[in-house]
Amino acid sequence: MKNGSAVLIGGFSGGILRAALGLVVVSPIATLLVNLVGAFLLSFWTYWGIERGAFPSWVNLGVGTGLIGAFTTFSTMSTVTVGLLSTNVVLGLAYLLVTAVAGLAMAGLGFWLAKKVGKAQ
């Protein structure tokens, strides 16, 4: 019950944050920004929160699966990419490449920073 509630609350919160950002920043930039921030946060949380055992499993589920999972949006990224590819192949491929490379870079940065923070504590 606690796990499900944590995912529900986290998912609701992540969805609200995602929708709010979409009102402020236009797509496809909003989608790119959401996914880059999400890649960083999930990587950071995975190392700092989960691997170190810093929080109970229900908190990890609420934050990782719920909050960050609902905040990020792979399906929207895929739809935006297909839309861009249908109108401008070069722009669509560039968007896909930037999303993949920058996403991996942000995940790496999150992991690196979490290790630094973990050592400092």
PDB file of N, CA and C in Angstrom:
ATOM      1  N   MET A   1       0.826  -1.198   0.000  1.00  0.00           N
ATOM      2  CA  MET A   1       0.000   0.000   0.000  1.00  0.00           C
ATOM      3  C   MET A   1       0.869   1.260   0.000  1.00  0.00           C
ATOM      4  N   LYS A   2       1.923   1.237   0.825  1.00  0.00           N
ATOM      5  CA  LYS A   2       2.804   2.393   0.911  1.00  0.00           C
ATOM      6  C   LYS A   2       3.521   2.632  -0.423  1.00  0.00           C
ATOM      7  N   ASN A   3       3.971   1.535  -1.081  1.00  0.00           N
ATOM      8  CA  ASN A   3       4.650   1.668  -2.372  1.00  0.00           C
ATOM      9  C   ASN A   3       3.728   2.286  -3.421  1.00  0.00           C
ATOM     10  N   GLY A   4       2.522   1.764  -3.516  1.00  0.00           N
ATOM     11  CA  GLY A   4       1.563   2.279  -4.490  1.00  0.00           C
ATOM     12  C   GLY A   4       1.206   3.734  -4.241  1.00  0.00           C
ATOM     13  N   SER A   5       1.027   4.086  -2.984  1.00  0.00           N
ATOM     14  CA  SER A   5       0.712   5.478  -2.640  1.00  0.00           C
ATOM     15  C   SER A   5       1.859   6.406  -3.002  1.00  0.00           C
ATOM     16  N   ALA A   6       3.084   5.954  -2.758  1.00  0.00           N
ATOM     17  CA  ALA A   6       4.255   6.778  -3.074  1.00  0.00           C
ATOM     18  C   ALA A   6       4.361   7.015  -4.578  1.00  0.00           C
ATOM     19  N   VAL A   7       4.139   5.959  -5.371  1.00  0.00           N
ATOM     20  CA  VAL A   7       4.189   6.107  -6.831  1.00  0.00           C
ATOM     21  C   VAL A   7       3.051   7.007  -7.305  1.00  0.00           C
ATOM     22  N   LEU A   8       1.874   6.853  -6.729  1.00  0.00           N
ATOM     23  CA  LEU A   8       0.725   7.677  -7.098  1.00  0.00           C
ATOM     24  C   LEU A   8       0.995   9.156  -6.818  1.00  0.00           C
ATOM     25  N   ILE A   9       1.458   9.460  -5.632  1.00  0.00           N
ATOM     26  CA  ILE A   9       1.734  10.855  -5.261  1.00  0.00           C
ATOM     27  C   ILE A   9       2.889  11.413  -6.081  1.00  0.00           C
ATOM     28  N   GLY A  10       3.948  10.617  -6.228  1.00  0.00           N
ATOM     29  CA  GLY A  10       5.084  11.056  -7.044  1.00  0.00           C
ATOM     30  C   GLY A  10       4.685  11.261  -8.491  1.00  0.00           C
ATOM     31  N   GLY A  11       3.894  10.333  -9.032  1.00  0.00           N
ATOM     32  CA  GLY A  11       3.450  10.446 -10.414  1.00  0.00           C
ATOM     33  C   GLY A  11       2.571  11.661 -10.644  1.00  0.00           C
ATOM     34  N   PHE A  12       1.681  11.920  -9.709  1.00  0.00           N
ATOM     35  CA  PHE A  12       0.830  13.108  -9.798  1.00  0.00           C
ATOM     36  C   PHE A  12       1.692  14.371  -9.802  1.00  0.00           C
ATOM     37  N   SER A  13       2.643  14.429  -8.891  1.00  0.00           N
ATOM     38  CA  SER A  13       3.524  15.601  -8.780  1.00  0.00           C
ATOM     39  C   SER A  13       4.376  15.777 -10.033  1.00  0.00           C
ATOM     40  N   GLY A  14       4.947  14.678 -10.532  1.00  0.00           N
ATOM     41  CA  GLY A  14       5.759  14.750 -11.745  1.00  0.00           C
ATOM     42  C   GLY A  14       4.951  15.185 -12.952  1.00  0.00           C
ATOM     43  N   GLY A  15       3.726  14.688 -13.052  1.00  0.00           N
ATOM     44  CA  GLY A  15       2.852  15.081 -14.151  1.00  0.00           C
ATOM     45  C   GLY A  15       2.492  16.557 -14.106  1.00  0.00           C
ATOM     46  N   ILE A  16       2.230  17.058 -12.916  1.00  0.00           N
ATOM     47  CA  ILE A  16       1.922  18.488 -12.755  1.00  0.00           C
ATOM     48  C   ILE A  16       3.132  19.338 -13.140  1.00  0.00           C
ATOM     49  N   LEU A  17       4.319  18.936 -12.680  1.00  0.00           N
ATOM     50  CA  LEU A  17       5.541  19.673 -13.034  1.00  0.00           C
ATOM     51  C   LEU A  17       5.759  19.680 -14.543  1.00  0.00           C
ATOM     52  N   ARG A  18       5.527  18.537 -15.168  1.00  0.00           N
ATOM     53  CA  ARG A  18       5.703  18.416 -16.622  1.00  0.00           C
ATOM     54  C   ARG A  18       4.715  19.322 -17.350  1.00  0.00           C
ATOM     55  N   ALA A  19       3.468  19.314 -16.923  1.00  0.00           N
ATOM     56  CA  ALA A  19       2.454  20.155 -17.556  1.00  0.00           C
ATOM     57  C   ALA A  19       2.767  21.634 -17.362  1.00  0.00           C
ATOM     58  N   ALA A  20       3.230  22.000 -16.176  1.00  0.00           N
ATOM     59  CA  ALA A  20       3.568  23.399 -15.893  1.00  0.00           C
ATOM     60  C   ALA A  20       4.720  23.867 -16.774  1.00  0.00           C
ATOM     61  N   LEU A  21       5.725  23.027 -16.932  1.00  0.00           N
ATOM     62  CA  LEU A  21       6.853  23.398 -17.782  1.00  0.00           C
ATOM     63  C   LEU A  21       6.398  23.554 -19.228  1.00  0.00           C
ATOM     64  N   GLY A  22       5.480  22.699 -19.655  1.00  0.00           N
ATOM     65  CA  GLY A  22       4.949  22.786 -21.010  1.00  0.00           C
ATOM     66  C   GLY A  22       4.192  24.076 -21.277  1.00  0.00           C
ATOM     67  N   LEU A  23       3.679  24.707 -20.235  1.00  0.00           N
ATOM     68  CA  LEU A  23       2.995  25.992 -20.393  1.00  0.00           C
ATOM     69  C   LEU A  23       3.979  27.146 -20.537  1.00  0.00           C
ATOM     70  N   VAL A  24       5.177  26.962 -20.006  1.00  0.00           N
ATOM     71  CA  VAL A  24       6.175  28.033 -19.998  1.00  0.00           C
ATOM     72  C   VAL A  24       7.130  27.934 -21.188  1.00  0.00           C
ATOM     73  N   VAL A  25       7.495  26.718 -21.562  1.00  0.00           N
ATOM     74  CA  VAL A  25       8.464  26.486 -22.630  1.00  0.00           C
ATOM     75  C   VAL A  25       7.767  25.721 -23.752  1.00  0.00           C
ATOM     76  N   VAL A  26       7.990  26.142 -24.994  1.00  0.00           N
ATOM     77  CA  VAL A  26       7.320  25.499 -26.122  1.00  0.00           C
ATOM     78  C   VAL A  26       8.014  24.198 -26.519  1.00  0.00           C
ATOM     79  N   SER A  27       7.213  23.280 -27.074  1.00  0.00           N
ATOM     80  CA  SER A  27       7.754  22.026 -27.598  1.00  0.00           C
ATOM     81  C   SER A  27       8.383  22.328 -28.950  1.00  0.00           C
ATOM     82  N   PRO A  28       9.427  21.698 -29.377  1.00  0.00           N
ATOM     83  CA  PRO A  28      10.104  20.532 -28.833  1.00  0.00           C
ATOM     84  C   PRO A  28      11.153  20.852 -27.770  1.00  0.00           C
ATOM     85  N   ILE A  29      11.387  22.125 -27.500  1.00  0.00           N
ATOM     86  CA  ILE A  29      12.376  22.489 -26.483  1.00  0.00           C
ATOM     87  C   ILE A  29      11.940  21.991 -25.109  1.00  0.00           C
ATOM     88  N   ALA A  30      10.664  22.104 -24.793  1.00  0.00           N
ATOM     89  CA  ALA A  30      10.167  21.641 -23.488  1.00  0.00           C
ATOM     90  C   ALA A  30      10.415  20.150 -23.320  1.00  0.00           C
ATOM     91  N   THR A  31      10.145  19.383 -24.359  1.00  0.00           N
ATOM     92  CA  THR A  31      10.346  17.935 -24.291  1.00  0.00           C
ATOM     93  C   THR A  31      11.819  17.606 -24.106  1.00  0.00           C
ATOM     94  N   LEU A  32      12.674  18.282 -24.850  1.00  0.00           N
ATOM     95  CA  LEU A  32      14.115  18.070 -24.710  1.00  0.00           C
ATOM     96  C   LEU A  32      14.573  18.427 -23.306  1.00  0.00           C
ATOM     97  N   LEU A  33      14.148  19.571 -22.803  1.00  0.00           N
ATOM     98  CA  LEU A  33      14.537  20.023 -21.467  1.00  0.00           C
ATOM     99  C   LEU A  33      14.068  19.053 -20.388  1.00  0.00           C
ATOM    100  N   VAL A  34      12.828  18.624 -20.476  1.00  0.00           N
ATOM    101  CA  VAL A  34      12.272  17.681 -19.506  1.00  0.00           C
ATOM    102  C   VAL A  34      13.080  16.389 -19.488  1.00  0.00           C
ATOM    103  N   ASN A  35      13.390  15.863 -20.660  1.00  0.00           N
ATOM    104  CA  ASN A  35      14.107  14.596 -20.716  1.00  0.00           C
ATOM    105  C   ASN A  35      15.558  14.722 -20.268  1.00  0.00           C
ATOM    106  N   LEU A  36      16.202  15.852 -20.535  1.00  0.00           N
ATOM    107  CA  LEU A  36      17.581  16.044 -20.070  1.00  0.00           C
ATOM    108  C   LEU A  36      17.629  16.202 -18.554  1.00  0.00           C
ATOM    109  N   VAL A  37      16.731  17.006 -18.017  1.00  0.00           N
ATOM    110  CA  VAL A  37      16.663  17.161 -16.556  1.00  0.00           C
ATOM    111  C   VAL A  37      16.304  15.823 -15.910  1.00  0.00           C
ATOM    112  N   GLY A  38      15.368  15.106 -16.510  1.00  0.00           N
ATOM    113  CA  GLY A  38      14.975  13.802 -15.980  1.00  0.00           C
ATOM    114  C   GLY A  38      16.107  12.793 -16.010  1.00  0.00           C
ATOM    115  N   ALA A  39      16.901  12.786 -17.081  1.00  0.00           N
ATOM    116  CA  ALA A  39      18.045  11.866 -17.166  1.00  0.00           C
ATOM    117  C   ALA A  39      19.041  12.162 -16.054  1.00  0.00           C
ATOM    118  N   PHE A  40      19.299  13.444 -15.821  1.00  0.00           N
ATOM    119  CA  PHE A  40      20.201  13.838 -14.739  1.00  0.00           C
ATOM    120  C   PHE A  40      19.640  13.412 -13.387  1.00  0.00           C
ATOM    121  N   LEU A  41      18.387  13.757 -13.131  1.00  0.00           N
ATOM    122  CA  LEU A  41      17.786  13.471 -11.824  1.00  0.00           C
ATOM    123  C   LEU A  41      17.683  11.979 -11.535  1.00  0.00           C
ATOM    124  N   LEU A  42      17.266  11.197 -12.531  1.00  0.00           N
ATOM    125  CA  LEU A  42      17.126   9.760 -12.291  1.00  0.00           C
ATOM    126  C   LEU A  42      18.480   9.107 -12.049  1.00  0.00           C
ATOM    127  N   SER A  43      19.486   9.528 -12.787  1.00  0.00           N
ATOM    128  CA  SER A  43      20.827   8.990 -12.576  1.00  0.00           C
ATOM    129  C   SER A  43      21.348   9.384 -11.195  1.00  0.00           C
ATOM    130  N   PHE A  44      21.178  10.647 -10.837  1.00  0.00           N
ATOM    131  CA  PHE A  44      21.611  11.120  -9.519  1.00  0.00           C
ATOM    132  C   PHE A  44      20.877  10.351  -8.426  1.00  0.00           C
ATOM    133  N   TRP A  45      19.555  10.257  -8.553  1.00  0.00           N
ATOM    134  CA  TRP A  45      18.747   9.587  -7.533  1.00  0.00           C
ATOM    135  C   TRP A  45      19.112   8.109  -7.413  1.00  0.00           C
ATOM    136  N   THR A  46      19.348   7.466  -8.545  1.00  0.00           N
ATOM    137  CA  THR A  46      19.680   6.042  -8.530  1.00  0.00           C
ATOM    138  C   THR A  46      20.951   5.791  -7.735  1.00  0.00           C
ATOM    139  N   TYR A  47      21.973   6.582  -7.964  1.00  0.00           N
ATOM    140  CA  TYR A  47      23.219   6.358  -7.233  1.00  0.00           C
ATOM    141  C   TYR A  47      23.113   6.870  -5.800  1.00  0.00           C
ATOM    142  N   TRP A  48      22.670   8.106  -5.644  1.00  0.00           N
ATOM    143  CA  TRP A  48      22.687   8.743  -4.326  1.00  0.00           C
ATOM    144  C   TRP A  48      21.618   8.185  -3.399  1.00  0.00           C
ATOM    145  N   GLY A  49      20.432   7.970  -3.916  1.00  0.00           N
ATOM    146  CA  GLY A  49      19.328   7.542  -3.066  1.00  0.00           C
ATOM    147  C   GLY A  49      19.157   6.043  -2.953  1.00  0.00           C
ATOM    148  N   ILE A  50      19.319   5.350  -4.056  1.00  0.00           N
ATOM    149  CA  ILE A  50      19.026   3.919  -4.067  1.00  0.00           C
ATOM    150  C   ILE A  50      20.252   3.079  -3.746  1.00  0.00           C
ATOM    151  N   GLU A  51      21.337   3.266  -4.490  1.00  0.00           N
ATOM    152  CA  GLU A  51      22.512   2.418  -4.300  1.00  0.00           C
ATOM    153  C   GLU A  51      23.140   2.578  -2.920  1.00  0.00           C
ATOM    154  N   ARG A  52      23.033   3.736  -2.339  1.00  0.00           N
ATOM    155  CA  ARG A  52      23.581   3.951  -0.999  1.00  0.00           C
ATOM    156  C   ARG A  52      22.614   3.493   0.085  1.00  0.00           C
ATOM    157  N   GLY A  53      21.391   3.171  -0.289  1.00  0.00           N
ATOM    158  CA  GLY A  53      20.399   2.757   0.691  1.00  0.00           C
ATOM    159  C   GLY A  53      20.001   3.884   1.619  1.00  0.00           C
ATOM    160  N   ALA A  54      20.003   5.104   1.092  1.00  0.00           N
ATOM    161  CA  ALA A  54      19.743   6.279   1.916  1.00  0.00           C
ATOM    162  C   ALA A  54      18.272   6.415   2.310  1.00  0.00           C
ATOM    163  N   PHE A  55      17.383   5.814   1.545  1.00  0.00           N
ATOM    164  CA  PHE A  55      15.953   5.979   1.795  1.00  0.00           C
ATOM    165  C   PHE A  55      15.252   4.628   1.736  1.00  0.00           C
ATOM    166  N   PRO A  56      14.093   4.513   2.366  1.00  0.00           N
ATOM    167  CA  PRO A  56      13.319   3.272   2.256  1.00  0.00           C
ATOM    168  C   PRO A  56      12.854   3.060   0.811  1.00  0.00           C
ATOM    169  N   SER A  57      12.552   1.822   0.464  1.00  0.00           N
ATOM    170  CA  SER A  57      12.189   1.495  -0.915  1.00  0.00           C
ATOM    171  C   SER A  57      10.959   2.262  -1.399  1.00  0.00           C
ATOM    172  N   TRP A  58      10.015   2.541  -0.515  1.00  0.00           N
ATOM    173  CA  TRP A  58       8.814   3.253  -0.958  1.00  0.00           C
ATOM    174  C   TRP A  58       9.136   4.690  -1.372  1.00  0.00           C
ATOM    175  N   VAL A  59      10.132   5.305  -0.736  1.00  0.00           N
ATOM    176  CA  VAL A  59      10.556   6.653  -1.137  1.00  0.00           C
ATOM    177  C   VAL A  59      11.235   6.586  -2.503  1.00  0.00           C
ATOM    178  N   ASN A  60      12.103   5.586  -2.686  1.00  0.00           N
ATOM    179  CA  ASN A  60      12.776   5.424  -3.974  1.00  0.00           C
ATOM    180  C   ASN A  60      11.777   5.208  -5.106  1.00  0.00           C
ATOM    181  N   LEU A  61      10.757   4.407  -4.865  1.00  0.00           N
ATOM    182  CA  LEU A  61       9.716   4.196  -5.875  1.00  0.00           C
ATOM    183  C   LEU A  61       8.943   5.481  -6.155  1.00  0.00           C
ATOM    184  N   GLY A  62       8.609   6.200  -5.107  1.00  0.00           N
ATOM    185  CA  GLY A  62       7.862   7.444  -5.271  1.00  0.00           C
ATOM    186  C   GLY A  62       8.627   8.485  -6.062  1.00  0.00           C
ATOM    187  N   VAL A  63       9.911   8.601  -5.780  1.00  0.00           N
ATOM    188  CA  VAL A  63      10.728   9.604  -6.475  1.00  0.00           C
ATOM    189  C   VAL A  63      11.129   9.120  -7.867  1.00  0.00           C
ATOM    190  N   GLY A  64      11.713   7.923  -7.955  1.00  0.00           N
ATOM    191  CA  GLY A  64      12.222   7.432  -9.238  1.00  0.00           C
ATOM    192  C   GLY A  64      11.127   7.085 -10.229  1.00  0.00           C
ATOM    193  N   THR A  65      10.285   6.143  -9.859  1.00  0.00           N
ATOM    194  CA  THR A  65       9.225   5.685 -10.756  1.00  0.00           C
ATOM    195  C   THR A  65       8.104   6.712 -10.861  1.00  0.00           C
ATOM    196  N   GLY A  66       7.685   7.260  -9.728  1.00  0.00           N
ATOM    197  CA  GLY A  66       6.564   8.198  -9.720  1.00  0.00           C
ATOM    198  C   GLY A  66       6.928   9.573 -10.245  1.00  0.00           C
ATOM    199  N   LEU A  67       7.673  10.321  -9.458  1.00  0.00           N
ATOM    200  CA  LEU A  67       7.971  11.723  -9.773  1.00  0.00           C
ATOM    201  C   LEU A  67       8.771  11.873 -11.064  1.00  0.00           C
ATOM    202  N   ILE A  68       9.942  11.242 -11.119  1.00  0.00           N
ATOM    203  CA  ILE A  68      10.810  11.421 -12.289  1.00  0.00           C
ATOM    204  C   ILE A  68      10.226  10.707 -13.505  1.00  0.00           C
ATOM    205  N   GLY A  69       9.631   9.527 -13.281  1.00  0.00           N
ATOM    206  CA  GLY A  69       9.017   8.803 -14.393  1.00  0.00           C
ATOM    207  C   GLY A  69       7.879   9.573 -15.039  1.00  0.00           C
ATOM    208  N   ALA A  70       7.053  10.214 -14.244  1.00  0.00           N
ATOM    209  CA  ALA A  70       5.940  10.995 -14.795  1.00  0.00           C
ATOM    210  C   ALA A  70       6.412  12.320 -15.376  1.00  0.00           C
ATOM    211  N   PHE A  71       7.500  12.855 -14.846  1.00  0.00           N
ATOM    212  CA  PHE A  71       8.040  14.124 -15.336  1.00  0.00           C
ATOM    213  C   PHE A  71       8.641  13.959 -16.732  1.00  0.00           C
ATOM    214  N   THR A  72       9.384  12.885 -16.938  1.00  0.00           N
ATOM    215  CA  THR A  72       9.996  12.660 -18.244  1.00  0.00           C
ATOM    216  C   THR A  72       8.967  12.102 -19.208  1.00  0.00           C
ATOM    217  N   THR A  73       9.308  12.129 -20.490  1.00  0.00           N
ATOM    218  CA  THR A  73       8.282  11.798 -21.458  1.00  0.00           C
ATOM    219  C   THR A  73       8.866  11.225 -22.744  1.00  0.00           C
ATOM    220  N   PHE A  74       9.182   9.939 -22.721  1.00  0.00           N
ATOM    221  CA  PHE A  74       9.752   9.285 -23.900  1.00  0.00           C
ATOM    222  C   PHE A  74       8.759   9.261 -25.054  1.00  0.00           C
ATOM    223  N   SER A  75       7.508   9.015 -24.753  1.00  0.00           N
ATOM    224  CA  SER A  75       6.518   8.936 -25.831  1.00  0.00           C
ATOM    225  C   SER A  75       6.352  10.280 -26.532  1.00  0.00           C
ATOM    226  N   THR A  76       6.386  11.369 -25.780  1.00  0.00           N
ATOM    227  CA  THR A  76       6.288  12.688 -26.409  1.00  0.00           C
ATOM    228  C   THR A  76       7.529  12.973 -27.236  1.00  0.00           C
ATOM    229  N   MET A  77       8.700  12.601 -26.718  1.00  0.00           N
ATOM    230  CA  MET A  77       9.938  12.780 -27.476  1.00  0.00           C
ATOM    231  C   MET A  77       9.862  12.014 -28.792  1.00  0.00           C
ATOM    232  N   SER A  78       9.351  10.812 -28.746  1.00  0.00           N
ATOM    233  CA  SER A  78       9.221  10.005 -29.963  1.00  0.00           C
ATOM    234  C   SER A  78       8.258  10.655 -30.951  1.00  0.00           C
ATOM    235  N   THR A  79       7.145  11.151 -30.458  1.00  0.00           N
ATOM    236  CA  THR A  79       6.153  11.802 -31.314  1.00  0.00           C
ATOM    237  C   THR A  79       6.704  13.086 -31.923  1.00  0.00           C
ATOM    238  N   VAL A  80       7.401  13.891 -31.118  1.00  0.00           N
ATOM    239  CA  VAL A  80       8.021  15.122 -31.617  1.00  0.00           C
ATOM    240  C   VAL A  80       9.046  14.786 -32.698  1.00  0.00           C
ATOM    241  N   THR A  81       9.851  13.765 -32.461  1.00  0.00           N
ATOM    242  CA  THR A  81      10.871  13.367 -33.434  1.00  0.00           C
ATOM    243  C   THR A  81      10.233  12.943 -34.753  1.00  0.00           C
ATOM    244  N   VAL A  82       9.192  12.127 -34.692  1.00  0.00           N
ATOM    245  CA  VAL A  82       8.501  11.692 -35.912  1.00  0.00           C
ATOM    246  C   VAL A  82       7.909  12.899 -36.641  1.00  0.00           C
ATOM    247  N   GLY A  83       7.325  13.825 -35.892  1.00  0.00           N
ATOM    248  CA  GLY A  83       6.774  15.035 -36.507  1.00  0.00           C
ATOM    249  C   GLY A  83       7.843  15.863 -37.197  1.00  0.00           C
ATOM    250  N   LEU A  84       8.981  16.032 -36.532  1.00  0.00           N
ATOM    251  CA  LEU A  84      10.081  16.785 -37.136  1.00  0.00           C
ATOM    252  C   LEU A  84      10.631  16.064 -38.366  1.00  0.00           C
ATOM    253  N   LEU A  85      10.779  14.748 -38.270  1.00  0.00           N
ATOM    254  CA  LEU A  85      11.280  13.973 -39.411  1.00  0.00           C
ATOM    255  C   LEU A  85      10.356  14.085 -40.620  1.00  0.00           C
ATOM    256  N   SER A  86       9.062  14.176 -40.373  1.00  0.00           N
ATOM    257  CA  SER A  86       8.108  14.245 -41.488  1.00  0.00           C
ATOM    258  C   SER A  86       8.134  15.597 -42.193  1.00  0.00           C
ATOM    259  N   THR A  87       8.591  16.634 -41.508  1.00  0.00           N
ATOM    260  CA  THR A  87       8.634  17.962 -42.127  1.00  0.00           C
ATOM    261  C   THR A  87      10.042  18.403 -42.499  1.00  0.00           C
ATOM    262  N   ASN A  88      11.040  17.939 -41.736  1.00  0.00           N
ATOM    263  CA  ASN A  88      12.422  18.347 -41.989  1.00  0.00           C
ATOM    264  C   ASN A  88      13.341  17.244 -41.461  1.00  0.00           C
ATOM    265  N   VAL A  89      13.804  16.404 -42.352  1.00  0.00           N
ATOM    266  CA  VAL A  89      14.591  15.233 -41.954  1.00  0.00           C
ATOM    267  C   VAL A  89      15.844  15.636 -41.185  1.00  0.00           C
ATOM    268  N   VAL A  90      16.530  16.662 -41.643  1.00  0.00           N
ATOM    269  CA  VAL A  90      17.766  17.090 -40.973  1.00  0.00           C
ATOM    270  C   VAL A  90      17.464  17.560 -39.553  1.00  0.00           C
ATOM    271  N   LEU A  91      16.434  18.364 -39.387  1.00  0.00           N
ATOM    272  CA  LEU A  91      16.060  18.844 -38.057  1.00  0.00           C
ATOM    273  C   LEU A  91      15.627  17.682 -37.165  1.00  0.00           C
ATOM    274  N   GLY A  92      14.863  16.755 -37.708  1.00  0.00           N
ATOM    275  CA  GLY A  92      14.431  15.589 -36.940  1.00  0.00           C
ATOM    276  C   GLY A  92      15.600  14.738 -36.476  1.00  0.00           C
ATOM    277  N   LEU A  93      16.540  14.484 -37.372  1.00  0.00           N
ATOM    278  CA  LEU A  93      17.723  13.700 -37.001  1.00  0.00           C
ATOM    279  C   LEU A  93      18.587  14.450 -35.991  1.00  0.00           C
ATOM    280  N   ALA A  94      18.707  15.763 -36.173  1.00  0.00           N
ATOM    281  CA  ALA A  94      19.481  16.565 -35.218  1.00  0.00           C
ATOM    282  C   ALA A  94      18.836  16.522 -33.834  1.00  0.00           C
ATOM    283  N   TYR A  95      17.519  16.636 -33.785  1.00  0.00           N
ATOM    284  CA  TYR A  95      16.799  16.578 -32.507  1.00  0.00           C
ATOM    285  C   TYR A  95      17.007  15.230 -31.831  1.00  0.00           C
ATOM    286  N   LEU A  96      16.909  14.167 -32.604  1.00  0.00           N
ATOM    287  CA  LEU A  96      17.111  12.823 -32.068  1.00  0.00           C
ATOM    288  C   LEU A  96      18.536  12.648 -31.555  1.00  0.00           C
ATOM    289  N   LEU A  97      19.508  13.114 -32.309  1.00  0.00           N
ATOM    290  CA  LEU A  97      20.913  13.003 -31.905  1.00  0.00           C
ATOM    291  C   LEU A  97      21.199  13.823 -30.650  1.00  0.00           C
ATOM    292  N   VAL A  98      20.722  15.058 -30.625  1.00  0.00           N
ATOM    293  CA  VAL A  98      20.929  15.906 -29.441  1.00  0.00           C
ATOM    294  C   VAL A  98      20.258  15.283 -28.224  1.00  0.00           C
ATOM    295  N   THR A  99      19.053  14.775 -28.386  1.00  0.00           N
ATOM    296  CA  THR A  99      18.346  14.146 -27.270  1.00  0.00           C
ATOM    297  C   THR A  99      19.129  12.960 -26.726  1.00  0.00           C
ATOM    298  N   ALA A 100      19.611  12.094 -27.609  1.00  0.00           N
ATOM    299  CA  ALA A 100      20.336  10.896 -27.166  1.00  0.00           C
ATOM    300  C   ALA A 100      21.678  11.244 -26.535  1.00  0.00           C
ATOM    301  N   VAL A 101      22.470  12.054 -27.214  1.00  0.00           N
ATOM    302  CA  VAL A 101      23.816  12.376 -26.718  1.00  0.00           C
ATOM    303  C   VAL A 101      23.741  13.224 -25.454  1.00  0.00           C
ATOM    304  N   ALA A 102      22.922  14.260 -25.478  1.00  0.00           N
ATOM    305  CA  ALA A 102      22.812  15.119 -24.297  1.00  0.00           C
ATOM    306  C   ALA A 102      22.165  14.372 -23.134  1.00  0.00           C
ATOM    307  N   GLY A 103      21.226  13.479 -23.422  1.00  0.00           N
ATOM    308  CA  GLY A 103      20.610  12.671 -22.361  1.00  0.00           C
ATOM    309  C   GLY A 103      21.628  11.786 -21.673  1.00  0.00           C
ATOM    310  N   LEU A 104      22.471  11.137 -22.454  1.00  0.00           N
ATOM    311  CA  LEU A 104      23.536  10.315 -21.867  1.00  0.00           C
ATOM    312  C   LEU A 104      24.521  11.172 -21.084  1.00  0.00           C
ATOM    313  N   ALA A 105      24.837  12.340 -21.611  1.00  0.00           N
ATOM    314  CA  ALA A 105      25.751  13.241 -20.902  1.00  0.00           C
ATOM    315  C   ALA A 105      25.150  13.693 -19.570  1.00  0.00           C
ATOM    316  N   MET A 106      23.868  14.017 -19.568  1.00  0.00           N
ATOM    317  CA  MET A 106      23.219  14.446 -18.326  1.00  0.00           C
ATOM    318  C   MET A 106      23.134  13.303 -17.323  1.00  0.00           C
ATOM    319  N   ALA A 107      22.879  12.091 -17.800  1.00  0.00           N
ATOM    320  CA  ALA A 107      22.864  10.932 -16.905  1.00  0.00           C
ATOM    321  C   ALA A 107      24.250  10.713 -16.312  1.00  0.00           C
ATOM    322  N   GLY A 108      25.281  10.844 -17.137  1.00  0.00           N
ATOM    323  CA  GLY A 108      26.653  10.723 -16.644  1.00  0.00           C
ATOM    324  C   GLY A 108      26.977  11.794 -15.621  1.00  0.00           C
ATOM    325  N   LEU A 109      26.537  13.015 -15.876  1.00  0.00           N
ATOM    326  CA  LEU A 109      26.764  14.108 -14.933  1.00  0.00           C
ATOM    327  C   LEU A 109      26.050  13.851 -13.615  1.00  0.00           C
ATOM    328  N   GLY A 110      24.833  13.356 -13.687  1.00  0.00           N
ATOM    329  CA  GLY A 110      24.092  13.032 -12.463  1.00  0.00           C
ATOM    330  C   GLY A 110      24.783  11.963 -11.650  1.00  0.00           C
ATOM    331  N   PHE A 111      25.269  10.928 -12.315  1.00  0.00           N
ATOM    332  CA  PHE A 111      25.987   9.843 -11.643  1.00  0.00           C
ATOM    333  C   PHE A 111      27.271  10.371 -11.003  1.00  0.00           C
ATOM    334  N   TRP A 112      28.025  11.165 -11.755  1.00  0.00           N
ATOM    335  CA  TRP A 112      29.287  11.732 -11.257  1.00  0.00           C
ATOM    336  C   TRP A 112      29.036  12.627 -10.042  1.00  0.00           C
ATOM    337  N   LEU A 113      28.039  13.495 -10.129  1.00  0.00           N
ATOM    338  CA  LEU A 113      27.740  14.401  -9.021  1.00  0.00           C
ATOM    339  C   LEU A 113      27.266  13.636  -7.791  1.00  0.00           C
ATOM    340  N   ALA A 114      26.463  12.618  -7.992  1.00  0.00           N
ATOM    341  CA  ALA A 114      25.993  11.809  -6.859  1.00  0.00           C
ATOM    342  C   ALA A 114      27.160  11.124  -6.160  1.00  0.00           C
ATOM    343  N   LYS A 115      28.132  10.654  -6.923  1.00  0.00           N
ATOM    344  CA  LYS A 115      29.316  10.035  -6.320  1.00  0.00           C
ATOM    345  C   LYS A 115      30.092  11.065  -5.507  1.00  0.00           C
ATOM    346  N   LYS A 116      30.221  12.274  -6.035  1.00  0.00           N
ATOM    347  CA  LYS A 116      30.924  13.347  -5.318  1.00  0.00           C
ATOM    348  C   LYS A 116      30.197  13.695  -4.023  1.00  0.00           C
ATOM    349  N   VAL A 117      28.894  13.852  -4.102  1.00  0.00           N
ATOM    350  CA  VAL A 117      28.094  14.182  -2.922  1.00  0.00           C
ATOM    351  C   VAL A 117      28.166  13.042  -1.913  1.00  0.00           C
ATOM    352  N   GLY A 118      28.104  11.808  -2.406  1.00  0.00           N
ATOM    353  CA  GLY A 118      28.177  10.645  -1.527  1.00  0.00           C
ATOM    354  C   GLY A 118      29.490  10.564  -0.767  1.00  0.00           C
ATOM    355  N   LYS A 119      30.590  10.899  -1.427  1.00  0.00           N
ATOM    356  CA  LYS A 119      31.903  10.867  -0.776  1.00  0.00           C
ATOM    357  C   LYS A 119      32.048  11.983   0.243  1.00  0.00           C
ATOM    358  N   ALA A 120      31.402  13.110  -0.019  1.00  0.00           N
ATOM    359  CA  ALA A 120      31.518  14.261   0.877  1.00  0.00           C
ATOM    360  C   ALA A 120      30.757  14.052   2.177  1.00  0.00           C
ATOM    361  N   GLN A 121      29.801  13.125   2.170  1.00  0.00           N
ATOM    362  CA  GLN A 121      28.973  12.944   3.372  1.00  0.00           C
ATOM    363  C   GLN A 121      29.568  11.963   4.309  1.00  0.00           C
TER     364      GLN A 121
END
